[in-house]
PDB file of N, CA and C in Angstrom:
ATOM      1  N   MET A   1      36.965  49.723 -39.103  1.00  0.00           N
ATOM      2  CA  MET A   1      35.840  50.481 -39.626  1.00  0.00           C
ATOM      3  C   MET A   1      34.670  49.523 -39.785  1.00  0.00           C
ATOM      4  N   GLY A   2      33.501  49.984 -39.380  1.00  0.00           N
ATOM      5  CA  GLY A   2      32.297  49.186 -39.534  1.00  0.00           C
ATOM      6  C   GLY A   2      31.321  49.871 -40.480  1.00  0.00           C
ATOM      7  N   ARG A   3      30.617  49.070 -41.251  1.00  0.00           N
ATOM      8  CA  ARG A   3      29.615  49.593 -42.181  1.00  0.00           C
ATOM      9  C   ARG A   3      28.399  48.684 -42.070  1.00  0.00           C
ATOM     10  N   GLU A   4      27.302  49.248 -41.624  1.00  0.00           N
ATOM     11  CA  GLU A   4      26.098  48.469 -41.386  1.00  0.00           C
ATOM     12  C   GLU A   4      24.921  49.093 -42.117  1.00  0.00           C
ATOM     13  N   GLN A   5      24.120  48.256 -42.791  1.00  0.00           N
ATOM     14  CA  GLN A   5      22.946  48.781 -43.484  1.00  0.00           C
ATOM     15  C   GLN A   5      22.002  49.397 -42.468  1.00  0.00           C
ATOM     16  N   TYR A   6      21.575  50.619 -42.760  1.00  0.00           N
ATOM     17  CA  TYR A   6      20.745  51.386 -41.848  1.00  0.00           C
ATOM     18  C   TYR A   6      19.306  51.477 -42.367  1.00  0.00           C
ATOM     19  N   LEU A   7      19.160  51.690 -43.685  1.00  0.00           N
ATOM     20  CA  LEU A   7      17.838  51.927 -44.259  1.00  0.00           C
ATOM     21  C   LEU A   7      17.897  51.662 -45.757  1.00  0.00           C
ATOM     22  N   SER A   8      16.801  51.188 -46.302  1.00  0.00           N
ATOM     23  CA  SER A   8      16.664  51.015 -47.738  1.00  0.00           C
ATOM     24  C   SER A   8      15.462  51.844 -48.182  1.00  0.00           C
ATOM     25  N   VAL A   9      15.665  52.686 -49.179  1.00  0.00           N
ATOM     26  CA  VAL A   9      14.599  53.574 -49.659  1.00  0.00           C
ATOM     27  C   VAL A   9      14.276  53.190 -51.099  1.00  0.00           C
ATOM     28  N   GLN A  10      13.006  52.901 -51.365  1.00  0.00           N
ATOM     29  CA  GLN A  10      12.568  52.537 -52.707  1.00  0.00           C
ATOM     30  C   GLN A  10      11.665  53.616 -53.268  1.00  0.00           C
ATOM     31  N   GLY A  11      11.863  53.896 -54.543  1.00  0.00           N
ATOM     32  CA  GLY A  11      11.035  54.874 -55.229  1.00  0.00           C
ATOM     33  C   GLY A  11      10.963  54.538 -56.697  1.00  0.00           C
ATOM     34  N   PRO A  12      10.297  55.347 -57.477  1.00  0.00           N
ATOM     35  CA  PRO A  12      10.139  55.075 -58.904  1.00  0.00           C
ATOM     36  C   PRO A  12      11.466  55.062 -59.678  1.00  0.00           C
ATOM     37  N   ASN A  13      12.510  55.691 -59.142  1.00  0.00           N
ATOM     38  CA  ASN A  13      13.807  55.734 -59.825  1.00  0.00           C
ATOM     39  C   ASN A  13      14.736  54.599 -59.410  1.00  0.00           C
ATOM     40  N   GLY A  14      14.320  53.768 -58.451  1.00  0.00           N
ATOM     41  CA  GLY A  14      15.160  52.670 -57.995  1.00  0.00           C
ATOM     42  C   GLY A  14      15.258  52.628 -56.483  1.00  0.00           C
ATOM     43  N   THR A  15      16.262  51.911 -55.992  1.00  0.00           N
ATOM     44  CA  THR A  15      16.462  51.722 -54.559  1.00  0.00           C
ATOM     45  C   THR A  15      17.803  52.311 -54.140  1.00  0.00           C
ATOM     46  N   ALA A  16      17.795  53.033 -53.040  1.00  0.00           N
ATOM     47  CA  ALA A  16      19.021  53.563 -52.440  1.00  0.00           C
ATOM     48  C   ALA A  16      19.179  52.915 -51.069  1.00  0.00           C
ATOM     49  N   THR A  17      20.405  52.571 -50.737  1.00  0.00           N
ATOM     50  CA  THR A  17      20.682  51.981 -49.436  1.00  0.00           C
ATOM     51  C   THR A  17      21.502  52.964 -48.617  1.00  0.00           C
ATOM     52  N   VAL A  18      21.071  53.190 -47.380  1.00  0.00           N
ATOM     53  CA  VAL A  18      21.789  54.071 -46.457  1.00  0.00           C
ATOM     54  C   VAL A  18      22.533  53.175 -45.469  1.00  0.00           C
ATOM     55  N   TYR A  19      23.832  53.441 -45.314  1.00  0.00           N
ATOM     56  CA  TYR A  19      24.671  52.687 -44.385  1.00  0.00           C
ATOM     57  C   TYR A  19      25.168  53.607 -43.277  1.00  0.00           C
ATOM     58  N   GLU A  20      25.274  53.065 -42.065  1.00  0.00           N
ATOM     59  CA  GLU A  20      25.913  53.776 -40.963  1.00  0.00           C
ATOM     60  C   GLU A  20      27.358  53.290 -40.908  1.00  0.00           C
ATOM     61  N   VAL A  21      28.287  54.236 -40.893  1.00  0.00           N
ATOM     62  CA  VAL A  21      29.702  53.905 -40.947  1.00  0.00           C
ATOM     63  C   VAL A  21      30.394  54.446 -39.706  1.00  0.00           C
ATOM     64  N   THR A  22      31.137  53.568 -39.016  1.00  0.00           N
ATOM     65  CA  THR A  22      31.911  53.986 -37.849  1.00  0.00           C
ATOM     66  C   THR A  22      33.368  53.621 -38.064  1.00  0.00           C
ATOM     67  N   ASP A  23      34.260  54.420 -37.506  1.00  0.00           N
ATOM     68  CA  ASP A  23      35.693  54.178 -37.619  1.00  0.00           C
ATOM     69  C   ASP A  23      36.214  53.809 -36.242  1.00  0.00           C
ATOM     70  N   ASP A  24      36.662  52.569 -36.092  1.00  0.00           N
ATOM     71  CA  ASP A  24      37.104  52.059 -34.806  1.00  0.00           C
ATOM     72  C   ASP A  24      38.595  52.277 -34.547  1.00  0.00           C
ATOM     73  N   SER A  25      39.308  52.816 -35.511  1.00  0.00           N
ATOM     74  CA  SER A  25      40.758  52.948 -35.348  1.00  0.00           C
ATOM     75  C   SER A  25      41.102  53.976 -34.278  1.00  0.00           C
ATOM     76  N   ALA A  26      42.220  53.763 -33.637  1.00  0.00           N
ATOM     77  CA  ALA A  26      42.658  54.656 -32.553  1.00  0.00           C
ATOM     78  C   ALA A  26      42.982  56.053 -33.057  1.00  0.00           C
ATOM     79  N   SER A  27      43.334  56.175 -34.313  1.00  0.00           N
ATOM     80  CA  SER A  27      43.707  57.486 -34.857  1.00  0.00           C
ATOM     81  C   SER A  27      42.518  58.279 -35.388  1.00  0.00           C
ATOM     82  N   ALA A  28      41.337  57.703 -35.350  1.00  0.00           N
ATOM     83  CA  ALA A  28      40.151  58.389 -35.881  1.00  0.00           C
ATOM     84  C   ALA A  28      39.751  59.528 -34.951  1.00  0.00           C
ATOM     85  N   SER A  29      39.677  60.724 -35.506  1.00  0.00           N
ATOM     86  CA  SER A  29      39.333  61.888 -34.685  1.00  0.00           C
ATOM     87  C   SER A  29      37.845  61.943 -34.361  1.00  0.00           C
ATOM     88  N   ARG A  30      37.005  61.291 -35.176  1.00  0.00           N
ATOM     89  CA  ARG A  30      35.554  61.316 -34.961  1.00  0.00           C
ATOM     90  C   ARG A  30      35.017  59.898 -34.771  1.00  0.00           C
ATOM     91  N   ALA A  31      35.790  59.046 -34.105  1.00  0.00           N
ATOM     92  CA  ALA A  31      35.427  57.635 -33.974  1.00  0.00           C
ATOM     93  C   ALA A  31      34.077  57.445 -33.289  1.00  0.00           C
ATOM     94  N   TRP A  32      33.723  58.310 -32.393  1.00  0.00           N
ATOM     95  CA  TRP A  32      32.474  58.174 -31.643  1.00  0.00           C
ATOM     96  C   TRP A  32      31.265  58.680 -32.424  1.00  0.00           C
ATOM     97  N   GLU A  33      31.494  59.340 -33.535  1.00  0.00           N
ATOM     98  CA  GLU A  33      30.405  59.937 -34.309  1.00  0.00           C
ATOM     99  C   GLU A  33      30.285  59.245 -35.664  1.00  0.00           C
ATOM    100  N   PRO A  34      29.185  58.530 -35.924  1.00  0.00           N
ATOM    101  CA  PRO A  34      29.072  57.808 -37.191  1.00  0.00           C
ATOM    102  C   PRO A  34      28.861  58.747 -38.376  1.00  0.00           C
ATOM    103  N   ALA A  35      29.207  58.246 -39.548  1.00  0.00           N
ATOM    104  CA  ALA A  35      28.900  58.915 -40.808  1.00  0.00           C
ATOM    105  C   ALA A  35      27.858  58.039 -41.501  1.00  0.00           C
ATOM    106  N   TYR A  36      27.266  58.550 -42.558  1.00  0.00           N
ATOM    107  CA  TYR A  36      26.246  57.814 -43.283  1.00  0.00           C
ATOM    108  C   TYR A  36      26.579  57.843 -44.765  1.00  0.00           C
ATOM    109  N   GLU A  37      26.465  56.692 -45.414  1.00  0.00           N
ATOM    110  CA  GLU A  37      26.729  56.599 -46.844  1.00  0.00           C
ATOM    111  C   GLU A  37      25.446  56.233 -47.569  1.00  0.00           C
ATOM    112  N   VAL A  38      25.252  56.859 -48.731  1.00  0.00           N
ATOM    113  CA  VAL A  38      24.110  56.545 -49.588  1.00  0.00           C
ATOM    114  C   VAL A  38      24.661  55.871 -50.839  1.00  0.00           C
ATOM    115  N   GLU A  39      24.208  54.662 -51.083  1.00  0.00           N
ATOM    116  CA  GLU A  39      24.609  53.917 -52.272  1.00  0.00           C
ATOM    117  C   GLU A  39      23.425  53.866 -53.216  1.00  0.00           C
ATOM    118  N   PHE A  40      23.629  54.399 -54.422  1.00  0.00           N
ATOM    119  CA  PHE A  40      22.556  54.437 -55.416  1.00  0.00           C
ATOM    120  C   PHE A  40      23.155  54.351 -56.801  1.00  0.00           C
ATOM    121  N   SER A  41      22.659  53.456 -57.590  1.00  0.00           N
ATOM    122  CA  SER A  41      23.044  53.325 -58.990  1.00  0.00           C
ATOM    123  C   SER A  41      24.563  53.212 -59.166  1.00  0.00           C
ATOM    124  N   GLY A  42      25.198  52.439 -58.300  1.00  0.00           N
ATOM    125  CA  GLY A  42      26.633  52.186 -58.416  1.00  0.00           C
ATOM    126  C   GLY A  42      27.549  53.208 -57.790  1.00  0.00           C
ATOM    127  N   SER A  43      27.018  54.282 -57.251  1.00  0.00           N
ATOM    128  CA  SER A  43      27.879  55.287 -56.616  1.00  0.00           C
ATOM    129  C   SER A  43      27.569  55.387 -55.125  1.00  0.00           C
ATOM    130  N   VAL A  44      28.586  55.785 -54.359  1.00  0.00           N
ATOM    131  CA  VAL A  44      28.452  55.918 -52.912  1.00  0.00           C
ATOM    132  C   VAL A  44      28.885  57.321 -52.517  1.00  0.00           C
ATOM    133  N   THR A  45      28.042  57.999 -51.728  1.00  0.00           N
ATOM    134  CA  THR A  45      28.344  59.345 -51.236  1.00  0.00           C
ATOM    135  C   THR A  45      28.214  59.338 -49.729  1.00  0.00           C
ATOM    136  N   ARG A  46      29.166  59.983 -49.044  1.00  0.00           N
ATOM    137  CA  ARG A  46      29.187  59.990 -47.573  1.00  0.00           C
ATOM    138  C   ARG A  46      28.670  61.322 -47.034  1.00  0.00           C
ATOM    139  N   TYR A  47      27.902  61.231 -45.928  1.00  0.00           N
ATOM    140  CA  TYR A  47      27.344  62.403 -45.250  1.00  0.00           C
ATOM    141  C   TYR A  47      27.613  62.288 -43.755  1.00  0.00           C
ATOM    142  N   THR A  48      27.743  63.409 -43.094  1.00  0.00           N
ATOM    143  CA  THR A  48      27.956  63.395 -41.645  1.00  0.00           C
ATOM    144  C   THR A  48      26.638  63.386 -40.886  1.00  0.00           C
ATOM    145  N   SER A  49      25.556  63.714 -41.569  1.00  0.00           N
ATOM    146  CA  SER A  49      24.250  63.813 -40.932  1.00  0.00           C
ATOM    147  C   SER A  49      23.326  62.690 -41.403  1.00  0.00           C
ATOM    148  N   GLU A  50      22.688  62.024 -40.468  1.00  0.00           N
ATOM    149  CA  GLU A  50      21.711  60.978 -40.775  1.00  0.00           C
ATOM    150  C   GLU A  50      20.556  61.554 -41.601  1.00  0.00           C
ATOM    151  N   GLY A  51      20.049  62.711 -41.186  1.00  0.00           N
ATOM    152  CA  GLY A  51      18.926  63.339 -41.880  1.00  0.00           C
ATOM    153  C   GLY A  51      19.254  63.697 -43.312  1.00  0.00           C
ATOM    154  N   GLU A  52      20.447  64.215 -43.546  1.00  0.00           N
ATOM    155  CA  GLU A  52      20.845  64.577 -44.904  1.00  0.00           C
ATOM    156  C   GLU A  52      20.940  63.327 -45.786  1.00  0.00           C
ATOM    157  N   ALA A  53      21.497  62.256 -45.247  1.00  0.00           N
ATOM    158  CA  ALA A  53      21.625  61.019 -46.013  1.00  0.00           C
ATOM    159  C   ALA A  53      20.252  60.476 -46.405  1.00  0.00           C
ATOM    160  N   ILE A  54      19.317  60.488 -45.479  1.00  0.00           N
ATOM    161  CA  ILE A  54      17.971  59.996 -45.762  1.00  0.00           C
ATOM    162  C   ILE A  54      17.278  60.885 -46.789  1.00  0.00           C
ATOM    163  N   MET A  55      17.435  62.195 -46.656  1.00  0.00           N
ATOM    164  CA  MET A  55      16.823  63.136 -47.591  1.00  0.00           C
ATOM    165  C   MET A  55      17.373  62.918 -49.014  1.00  0.00           C
ATOM    166  N   VAL A  56      18.672  62.727 -49.128  1.00  0.00           N
ATOM    167  CA  VAL A  56      19.281  62.483 -50.439  1.00  0.00           C
ATOM    168  C   VAL A  56      18.780  61.161 -51.015  1.00  0.00           C
ATOM    169  N   ALA A  57      18.678  60.130 -50.184  1.00  0.00           N
ATOM    170  CA  ALA A  57      18.167  58.836 -50.649  1.00  0.00           C
ATOM    171  C   ALA A  57      16.741  58.980 -51.186  1.00  0.00           C
ATOM    172  N   GLN A  58      15.933  59.776 -50.519  1.00  0.00           N
ATOM    173  CA  GLN A  58      14.559  60.019 -50.988  1.00  0.00           C
ATOM    174  C   GLN A  58      14.570  60.766 -52.313  1.00  0.00           C
ATOM    175  N   GLN A  59      15.436  61.762 -52.437  1.00  0.00           N
ATOM    176  CA  GLN A  59      15.486  62.570 -53.655  1.00  0.00           C
ATOM    177  C   GLN A  59      15.932  61.751 -54.862  1.00  0.00           C
ATOM    178  N   VAL A  60      16.997  60.964 -54.724  1.00  0.00           N
ATOM    179  CA  VAL A  60      17.514  60.233 -55.868  1.00  0.00           C
ATOM    180  C   VAL A  60      16.575  59.100 -56.311  1.00  0.00           C
ATOM    181  N   THR A  61      15.815  58.545 -55.380  1.00  0.00           N
ATOM    182  CA  THR A  61      14.891  57.475 -55.738  1.00  0.00           C
ATOM    183  C   THR A  61      13.517  57.992 -56.152  1.00  0.00           C
ATOM    184  N   GLY A  62      13.230  59.245 -55.835  1.00  0.00           N
ATOM    185  CA  GLY A  62      11.917  59.801 -56.129  1.00  0.00           C
ATOM    186  C   GLY A  62      10.863  59.392 -55.113  1.00  0.00           C
ATOM    187  N   ALA A  63      11.321  58.890 -53.951  1.00  0.00           N
ATOM    188  CA  ALA A  63      10.393  58.466 -52.905  1.00  0.00           C
ATOM    189  C   ALA A  63       9.740  59.694 -52.269  1.00  0.00           C
ATOM    190  N   PRO A  64       8.524  59.549 -51.736  1.00  0.00           N
ATOM    191  CA  PRO A  64       7.863  60.676 -51.064  1.00  0.00           C
ATOM    192  C   PRO A  64       8.620  61.068 -49.790  1.00  0.00           C
ATOM    193  N   ASP A  65       8.464  62.314 -49.379  1.00  0.00           N
ATOM    194  CA  ASP A  65       9.155  62.837 -48.205  1.00  0.00           C
ATOM    195  C   ASP A  65       8.750  62.144 -46.917  1.00  0.00           C
ATOM    196  N   ASN A  66       7.589  61.549 -46.869  1.00  0.00           N
ATOM    197  CA  ASN A  66       7.122  60.901 -45.647  1.00  0.00           C
ATOM    198  C   ASN A  66       7.434  59.402 -45.639  1.00  0.00           C
ATOM    199  N   TYR A  67       8.492  59.013 -46.334  1.00  0.00           N
ATOM    200  CA  TYR A  67       8.857  57.611 -46.483  1.00  0.00           C
ATOM    201  C   TYR A  67       9.052  56.953 -45.152  1.00  0.00           C
TER     202      TYR A  67
END
């Protein structure tokens, strides 16, 4: 499994980091399709959509939509 920093979003509520996550194992049913994790304030949440992860990162940090 690989986890690579994809984006960092800063806003008045703090900073959220978006990671792209891939599963390299042979048994992974979605190995070719990455997932995205948002880490904010000590918690990590996983999303299947890049856009959803970025939108959540903007919301939790209070960053503007045009970040």
